[in-house]
Amino acid sequence: MDITCIPMARGFICLAAVLDWFTRCVLAWRVSITLEADFCIEAVEEALARHGPPEIFNMEHGRAIGSSGHATSG
């Protein structure tokens, strides 16, 4: 997943893209005007629903978004 904040005339817009690192194809994406985690989670859920779970999941830029929840594996 890659998150990019794009400057606009009044603030910014954030783009979250789930990428296949081998093919460099975008598997899913979402945009938001906040750095809340919801739009990122939606992009990941869509990618998983369309393409299934990956062998490796990598997120760039460290902790760039805010969330009151926590990640679990199961």
N, C-alpha and C. Protein backbone atom coordinates (compact mmCIF):
# COMPACT_ATOMS: atom_id res chain seq x y z
N MET A 1 0.85 -1.17 0.00
CA MET A 1 0.00 0.00 0.00
C MET A 1 0.89 1.23 0.00
N ASP A 2 0.46 2.21 -0.74
CA ASP A 2 1.15 3.48 -0.77
C ASP A 2 0.13 4.59 -0.52
N ILE A 3 0.50 5.55 0.31
CA ILE A 3 -0.38 6.68 0.63
C ILE A 3 0.34 7.95 0.20
N THR A 4 -0.33 8.75 -0.61
CA THR A 4 0.23 10.00 -1.10
C THR A 4 -0.75 11.13 -0.82
N CYS A 5 -0.27 12.22 -0.23
CA CYS A 5 -1.10 13.40 -0.01
C CYS A 5 -0.79 14.41 -1.11
N ILE A 6 -1.82 14.81 -1.82
CA ILE A 6 -1.68 15.70 -2.97
C ILE A 6 -2.17 17.09 -2.59
N PRO A 7 -1.32 18.12 -2.69
CA PRO A 7 -1.74 19.48 -2.35
C PRO A 7 -2.82 19.98 -3.31
N MET A 8 -3.81 20.64 -2.75
CA MET A 8 -4.89 21.24 -3.53
C MET A 8 -4.96 22.73 -3.18
N ALA A 9 -5.85 23.46 -3.81
CA ALA A 9 -5.98 24.89 -3.55
C ALA A 9 -6.31 25.17 -2.09
N ARG A 10 -7.16 24.34 -1.50
CA ARG A 10 -7.54 24.50 -0.09
C ARG A 10 -7.28 23.21 0.67
N GLY A 11 -6.07 22.96 1.02
CA GLY A 11 -5.74 21.76 1.79
C GLY A 11 -5.09 20.69 0.94
N PHE A 12 -5.53 19.44 1.13
CA PHE A 12 -4.92 18.33 0.43
C PHE A 12 -5.94 17.22 0.27
N ILE A 13 -5.62 16.26 -0.60
CA ILE A 13 -6.41 15.05 -0.75
C ILE A 13 -5.43 13.88 -0.64
N CYS A 14 -5.83 12.84 0.04
CA CYS A 14 -4.97 11.67 0.24
C CYS A 14 -5.42 10.53 -0.65
N LEU A 15 -4.47 9.91 -1.32
CA LEU A 15 -4.71 8.77 -2.18
C LEU A 15 -4.06 7.54 -1.55
N ALA A 16 -4.84 6.51 -1.31
CA ALA A 16 -4.32 5.23 -0.83
C ALA A 16 -4.46 4.22 -1.96
N ALA A 17 -3.35 3.63 -2.37
CA ALA A 17 -3.36 2.67 -3.47
C ALA A 17 -2.74 1.36 -3.01
N VAL A 18 -3.44 0.27 -3.28
CA VAL A 18 -2.92 -1.07 -3.01
C VAL A 18 -2.32 -1.57 -4.32
N LEU A 19 -1.02 -1.84 -4.30
CA LEU A 19 -0.29 -2.21 -5.52
C LEU A 19 0.20 -3.64 -5.47
N ASP A 20 0.25 -4.28 -6.63
CA ASP A 20 0.94 -5.55 -6.78
C ASP A 20 2.38 -5.21 -7.13
N TRP A 21 3.31 -5.55 -6.25
CA TRP A 21 4.70 -5.15 -6.45
C TRP A 21 5.35 -5.84 -7.65
N PHE A 22 4.87 -7.02 -8.01
CA PHE A 22 5.46 -7.73 -9.16
C PHE A 22 5.02 -7.10 -10.48
N THR A 23 3.70 -6.89 -10.64
CA THR A 23 3.18 -6.34 -11.90
C THR A 23 3.08 -4.82 -11.88
N ARG A 24 3.16 -4.21 -10.70
CA ARG A 24 2.98 -2.76 -10.49
C ARG A 24 1.56 -2.30 -10.82
N CYS A 25 0.61 -3.24 -10.88
CA CYS A 25 -0.79 -2.90 -11.14
C CYS A 25 -1.44 -2.40 -9.86
N VAL A 26 -2.36 -1.46 -10.00
CA VAL A 26 -3.15 -0.98 -8.87
C VAL A 26 -4.30 -1.97 -8.68
N LEU A 27 -4.36 -2.60 -7.50
CA LEU A 27 -5.40 -3.58 -7.20
C LEU A 27 -6.66 -2.91 -6.67
N ALA A 28 -6.50 -1.80 -5.96
CA ALA A 28 -7.63 -1.03 -5.42
C ALA A 28 -7.11 0.32 -4.97
N TRP A 29 -8.00 1.33 -4.90
CA TRP A 29 -7.58 2.66 -4.44
C TRP A 29 -8.77 3.40 -3.86
N ARG A 30 -8.46 4.36 -3.00
CA ARG A 30 -9.47 5.24 -2.39
C ARG A 30 -8.84 6.60 -2.17
N VAL A 31 -9.67 7.64 -2.13
CA VAL A 31 -9.21 8.99 -1.80
C VAL A 31 -9.98 9.50 -0.60
N SER A 32 -9.36 10.44 0.13
CA SER A 32 -9.97 11.01 1.32
C SER A 32 -9.41 12.41 1.55
N ILE A 33 -10.16 13.23 2.28
CA ILE A 33 -9.66 14.56 2.64
C ILE A 33 -9.14 14.58 4.07
N THR A 34 -9.11 13.42 4.73
CA THR A 34 -8.55 13.30 6.08
C THR A 34 -7.53 12.16 6.11
N LEU A 35 -6.77 12.09 7.18
CA LEU A 35 -5.82 10.99 7.36
C LEU A 35 -6.37 9.91 8.29
N GLU A 36 -7.68 9.76 8.32
CA GLU A 36 -8.29 8.67 9.09
C GLU A 36 -8.04 7.36 8.35
N ALA A 37 -8.08 6.26 9.08
CA ALA A 37 -7.73 4.96 8.51
C ALA A 37 -8.81 4.36 7.63
N ASP A 38 -10.04 4.83 7.72
CA ASP A 38 -11.16 4.18 7.04
C ASP A 38 -10.95 3.99 5.54
N PHE A 39 -10.46 5.02 4.85
CA PHE A 39 -10.32 4.89 3.40
C PHE A 39 -9.23 3.90 3.03
N CYS A 40 -8.22 3.77 3.86
CA CYS A 40 -7.16 2.79 3.61
C CYS A 40 -7.68 1.37 3.83
N ILE A 41 -8.44 1.20 4.89
CA ILE A 41 -9.02 -0.12 5.18
C ILE A 41 -9.94 -0.55 4.05
N GLU A 42 -10.76 0.38 3.54
CA GLU A 42 -11.66 0.06 2.42
C GLU A 42 -10.88 -0.38 1.19
N ALA A 43 -9.77 0.28 0.90
CA ALA A 43 -8.95 -0.10 -0.26
C ALA A 43 -8.36 -1.50 -0.07
N VAL A 44 -7.86 -1.79 1.11
CA VAL A 44 -7.30 -3.11 1.39
C VAL A 44 -8.38 -4.18 1.30
N GLU A 45 -9.55 -3.91 1.88
CA GLU A 45 -10.65 -4.89 1.83
C GLU A 45 -11.09 -5.17 0.40
N GLU A 46 -11.14 -4.13 -0.43
CA GLU A 46 -11.51 -4.33 -1.83
C GLU A 46 -10.46 -5.17 -2.56
N ALA A 47 -9.19 -4.87 -2.34
CA ALA A 47 -8.12 -5.64 -2.98
C ALA A 47 -8.17 -7.11 -2.55
N LEU A 48 -8.41 -7.36 -1.27
CA LEU A 48 -8.50 -8.74 -0.78
C LEU A 48 -9.70 -9.45 -1.37
N ALA A 49 -10.84 -8.76 -1.46
CA ALA A 49 -12.06 -9.37 -2.02
C ALA A 49 -11.88 -9.71 -3.50
N ARG A 50 -11.20 -8.85 -4.24
CA ARG A 50 -11.02 -9.06 -5.68
C ARG A 50 -9.90 -10.04 -6.02
N HIS A 51 -8.82 -10.02 -5.24
CA HIS A 51 -7.61 -10.75 -5.62
C HIS A 51 -7.15 -11.80 -4.61
N GLY A 52 -7.81 -11.89 -3.44
CA GLY A 52 -7.42 -12.85 -2.43
C GLY A 52 -6.24 -12.35 -1.60
N PRO A 53 -5.89 -13.07 -0.54
CA PRO A 53 -4.80 -12.64 0.35
C PRO A 53 -3.43 -12.81 -0.32
N PRO A 54 -2.54 -11.85 -0.12
CA PRO A 54 -1.20 -11.95 -0.69
C PRO A 54 -0.27 -12.77 0.20
N GLU A 55 0.86 -13.17 -0.35
CA GLU A 55 1.88 -13.83 0.47
C GLU A 55 2.57 -12.82 1.37
N ILE A 56 2.78 -11.61 0.88
CA ILE A 56 3.45 -10.54 1.63
C ILE A 56 2.63 -9.27 1.48
N PHE A 57 2.46 -8.54 2.59
CA PHE A 57 1.78 -7.24 2.54
C PHE A 57 2.74 -6.20 3.09
N ASN A 58 3.08 -5.21 2.29
CA ASN A 58 4.05 -4.19 2.68
C ASN A 58 3.39 -2.82 2.63
N MET A 59 3.59 -2.02 3.69
CA MET A 59 3.07 -0.66 3.69
C MET A 59 4.24 0.30 3.80
N GLU A 60 4.32 1.22 2.86
CA GLU A 60 5.38 2.21 2.83
C GLU A 60 5.07 3.38 3.75
N HIS A 61 6.07 4.18 4.04
CA HIS A 61 5.97 5.44 4.77
C HIS A 61 5.62 5.28 6.26
N GLY A 62 5.80 4.10 6.81
CA GLY A 62 5.56 3.95 8.25
C GLY A 62 4.12 4.21 8.63
N ARG A 63 3.92 4.81 9.81
CA ARG A 63 2.57 5.06 10.32
C ARG A 63 2.10 6.43 9.83
N ALA A 64 1.46 6.46 8.68
CA ALA A 64 1.04 7.73 8.08
C ALA A 64 -0.41 8.08 8.37
N ILE A 65 -1.20 7.11 8.83
CA ILE A 65 -2.61 7.35 9.06
C ILE A 65 -2.97 7.11 10.51
N GLY A 66 -4.09 7.65 10.94
CA GLY A 66 -4.51 7.50 12.33
C GLY A 66 -5.68 6.56 12.47
N SER A 67 -5.68 5.77 13.53
CA SER A 67 -6.76 4.84 13.79
C SER A 67 -6.84 4.57 15.28
N SER A 68 -8.07 4.42 15.77
CA SER A 68 -8.23 4.07 17.18
C SER A 68 -8.22 2.55 17.37
N GLY A 69 -8.28 1.81 16.26
CA GLY A 69 -8.24 0.35 16.33
C GLY A 69 -6.83 -0.15 16.24
N HIS A 70 -6.69 -1.47 16.16
CA HIS A 70 -5.37 -2.05 15.99
C HIS A 70 -5.47 -3.23 15.04
N ALA A 71 -4.37 -3.60 14.45
CA ALA A 71 -4.36 -4.69 13.47
C ALA A 71 -4.29 -6.03 14.17
N THR A 72 -5.00 -6.99 13.62
CA THR A 72 -4.95 -8.36 14.12
C THR A 72 -4.74 -9.28 12.93
N SER A 73 -4.22 -10.44 13.20
CA SER A 73 -4.12 -11.45 12.15
C SER A 73 -4.89 -12.67 12.59
N GLY A 74 -5.47 -13.35 11.64
CA GLY A 74 -6.26 -14.48 12.04
C GLY A 74 -6.57 -15.42 11.02
